[in-house]
Amino acid sequence: MIRKASFAQIAEMAALVASLLYFPVGGVLAFLCFALKGVSFHSFVTFGDTYAPLAGLLSWWAVGFVPALAYAAFVSRQAQG
């Protein structure tokens, strides 16, 4: 019997996906911004000195959480058949 996933389960899966992809994807994005535009790592993390470094890192995690939430909802729906 297949049961419907709750929002808490979908949000937990999205948080795991966002956390696992945080450093690899962030590293590639930071490298590309530096290589193509000359943006420093500090400026990349802090959104151009708009936020403190910790707030910038949390903001980048939230930016990654949004597509991870869509992915988790899609996968959850597909698993239900």
C-alpha atoms as a PDB file:
ATOM      1  CA  MET A   1       0.000   0.000   0.000  1.00  0.00           C
ATOM      2  CA  ILE A   2       1.391   3.381  -0.997  1.00  0.00           C
ATOM      3  CA  ARG A   3       0.660   6.315   1.250  1.00  0.00           C
ATOM      4  CA  LYS A   4       0.915   9.976   0.422  1.00  0.00           C
ATOM      5  CA  ALA A   5       4.045  11.769   1.653  1.00  0.00           C
ATOM      6  CA  SER A   6       3.481  14.602   4.094  1.00  0.00           C
ATOM      7  CA  PHE A   7       4.859  18.080   3.547  1.00  0.00           C
ATOM      8  CA  ALA A   8       7.274  17.553   6.442  1.00  0.00           C
ATOM      9  CA  GLN A   9       8.733  14.487   4.716  1.00  0.00           C
ATOM     10  CA  ILE A  10       9.055  16.347   1.416  1.00  0.00           C
ATOM     11  CA  ALA A  11      10.694  19.321   3.161  1.00  0.00           C
ATOM     12  CA  GLU A  12      13.108  16.984   4.947  1.00  0.00           C
ATOM     13  CA  MET A  13      14.099  15.333   1.671  1.00  0.00           C
ATOM     14  CA  ALA A  14      14.573  18.768   0.097  1.00  0.00           C
ATOM     15  CA  ALA A  15      16.762  19.886   3.007  1.00  0.00           C
ATOM     16  CA  LEU A  16      18.932  16.793   2.585  1.00  0.00           C
ATOM     17  CA  VAL A  17      19.284  17.331  -1.162  1.00  0.00           C
ATOM     18  CA  ALA A  18      20.072  21.025  -0.718  1.00  0.00           C
ATOM     19  CA  SER A  19      22.648  20.247   1.968  1.00  0.00           C
ATOM     20  CA  LEU A  20      24.357  17.509  -0.037  1.00  0.00           C
ATOM     21  CA  LEU A  21      24.628  19.663  -3.151  1.00  0.00           C
ATOM     22  CA  TYR A  22      25.566  22.850  -1.267  1.00  0.00           C
ATOM     23  CA  PHE A  23      29.365  22.647  -1.455  1.00  0.00           C
ATOM     24  CA  PRO A  24      29.849  20.976  -4.872  1.00  0.00           C
ATOM     25  CA  VAL A  25      27.399  23.221  -6.727  1.00  0.00           C
ATOM     26  CA  GLY A  26      28.431  26.303  -4.747  1.00  0.00           C
ATOM     27  CA  GLY A  27      32.082  25.631  -5.486  1.00  0.00           C
ATOM     28  CA  VAL A  28      31.425  25.308  -9.207  1.00  0.00           C
ATOM     29  CA  LEU A  29      29.303  28.480  -9.231  1.00  0.00           C
ATOM     30  CA  ALA A  30      31.916  30.422  -7.262  1.00  0.00           C
ATOM     31  CA  PHE A  31      34.672  29.218  -9.604  1.00  0.00           C
ATOM     32  CA  LEU A  32      32.667  30.133 -12.700  1.00  0.00           C
ATOM     33  CA  CYS A  33      31.851  33.584 -11.325  1.00  0.00           C
ATOM     34  CA  PHE A  34      35.527  34.135 -10.563  1.00  0.00           C
ATOM     35  CA  ALA A  35      36.750  32.784 -13.906  1.00  0.00           C
ATOM     36  CA  LEU A  36      34.187  34.528 -16.090  1.00  0.00           C
ATOM     37  CA  LYS A  37      33.463  37.758 -14.237  1.00  0.00           C
ATOM     38  CA  GLY A  38      36.301  38.173 -11.734  1.00  0.00           C
ATOM     39  CA  VAL A  39      33.968  38.042  -8.721  1.00  0.00           C
ATOM     40  CA  SER A  40      35.854  37.298  -5.502  1.00  0.00           C
ATOM     41  CA  PHE A  41      34.810  34.390  -3.296  1.00  0.00           C
ATOM     42  CA  HIS A  42      33.926  36.754  -0.442  1.00  0.00           C
ATOM     43  CA  SER A  43      31.782  38.886  -2.720  1.00  0.00           C
ATOM     44  CA  PHE A  44      30.101  35.772  -4.104  1.00  0.00           C
ATOM     45  CA  VAL A  45      29.256  34.396  -0.660  1.00  0.00           C
ATOM     46  CA  THR A  46      28.019  37.721   0.733  1.00  0.00           C
ATOM     47  CA  PHE A  47      26.022  38.730  -2.366  1.00  0.00           C
ATOM     48  CA  GLY A  48      28.361  41.650  -3.040  1.00  0.00           C
ATOM     49  CA  ASP A  49      28.788  42.585   0.647  1.00  0.00           C
ATOM     50  CA  THR A  50      25.024  42.863   1.110  1.00  0.00           C
ATOM     51  CA  TYR A  51      24.973  40.250   3.878  1.00  0.00           C
ATOM     52  CA  ALA A  52      27.388  39.075   6.555  1.00  0.00           C
ATOM     53  CA  PRO A  53      29.247  35.877   5.558  1.00  0.00           C
ATOM     54  CA  LEU A  54      27.070  33.551   7.670  1.00  0.00           C
ATOM     55  CA  ALA A  55      23.855  35.170   6.451  1.00  0.00           C
ATOM     56  CA  GLY A  56      25.155  34.918   2.889  1.00  0.00           C
ATOM     57  CA  LEU A  57      25.861  31.210   3.274  1.00  0.00           C
ATOM     58  CA  LEU A  58      22.385  30.658   4.708  1.00  0.00           C
ATOM     59  CA  SER A  59      20.896  32.662   1.844  1.00  0.00           C
ATOM     60  CA  TRP A  60      22.712  30.520  -0.705  1.00  0.00           C
ATOM     61  CA  TRP A  61      21.390  27.411   1.045  1.00  0.00           C
ATOM     62  CA  ALA A  62      17.841  28.835   0.841  1.00  0.00           C
ATOM     63  CA  VAL A  63      18.356  29.552  -2.864  1.00  0.00           C
ATOM     64  CA  GLY A  64      19.307  25.895  -3.326  1.00  0.00           C
ATOM     65  CA  PHE A  65      16.413  24.705  -1.161  1.00  0.00           C
ATOM     66  CA  VAL A  66      13.741  26.058  -3.525  1.00  0.00           C
ATOM     67  CA  PRO A  67      14.605  23.835  -6.534  1.00  0.00           C
ATOM     68  CA  ALA A  68      15.331  20.942  -4.151  1.00  0.00           C
ATOM     69  CA  LEU A  69      11.812  21.294  -2.748  1.00  0.00           C
ATOM     70  CA  ALA A  70      10.360  21.133  -6.266  1.00  0.00           C
ATOM     71  CA  TYR A  71      12.507  18.071  -6.985  1.00  0.00           C
ATOM     72  CA  ALA A  72      11.446  16.342  -3.773  1.00  0.00           C
ATOM     73  CA  ALA A  73       7.759  16.989  -4.477  1.00  0.00           C
ATOM     74  CA  PHE A  74       8.150  15.658  -8.029  1.00  0.00           C
ATOM     75  CA  VAL A  75       9.969  12.510  -6.912  1.00  0.00           C
ATOM     76  CA  SER A  76       7.459  11.924  -4.128  1.00  0.00           C
ATOM     77  CA  ARG A  77       4.593  12.182  -6.581  1.00  0.00           C
ATOM     78  CA  GLN A  78       6.287   9.844  -9.055  1.00  0.00           C
ATOM     79  CA  ALA A  79       6.945   7.250  -6.351  1.00  0.00           C
ATOM     80  CA  GLN A  80       3.234   7.100  -5.528  1.00  0.00           C
ATOM     81  CA  GLY A  81       2.415   5.914  -9.012  1.00  0.00           C
END
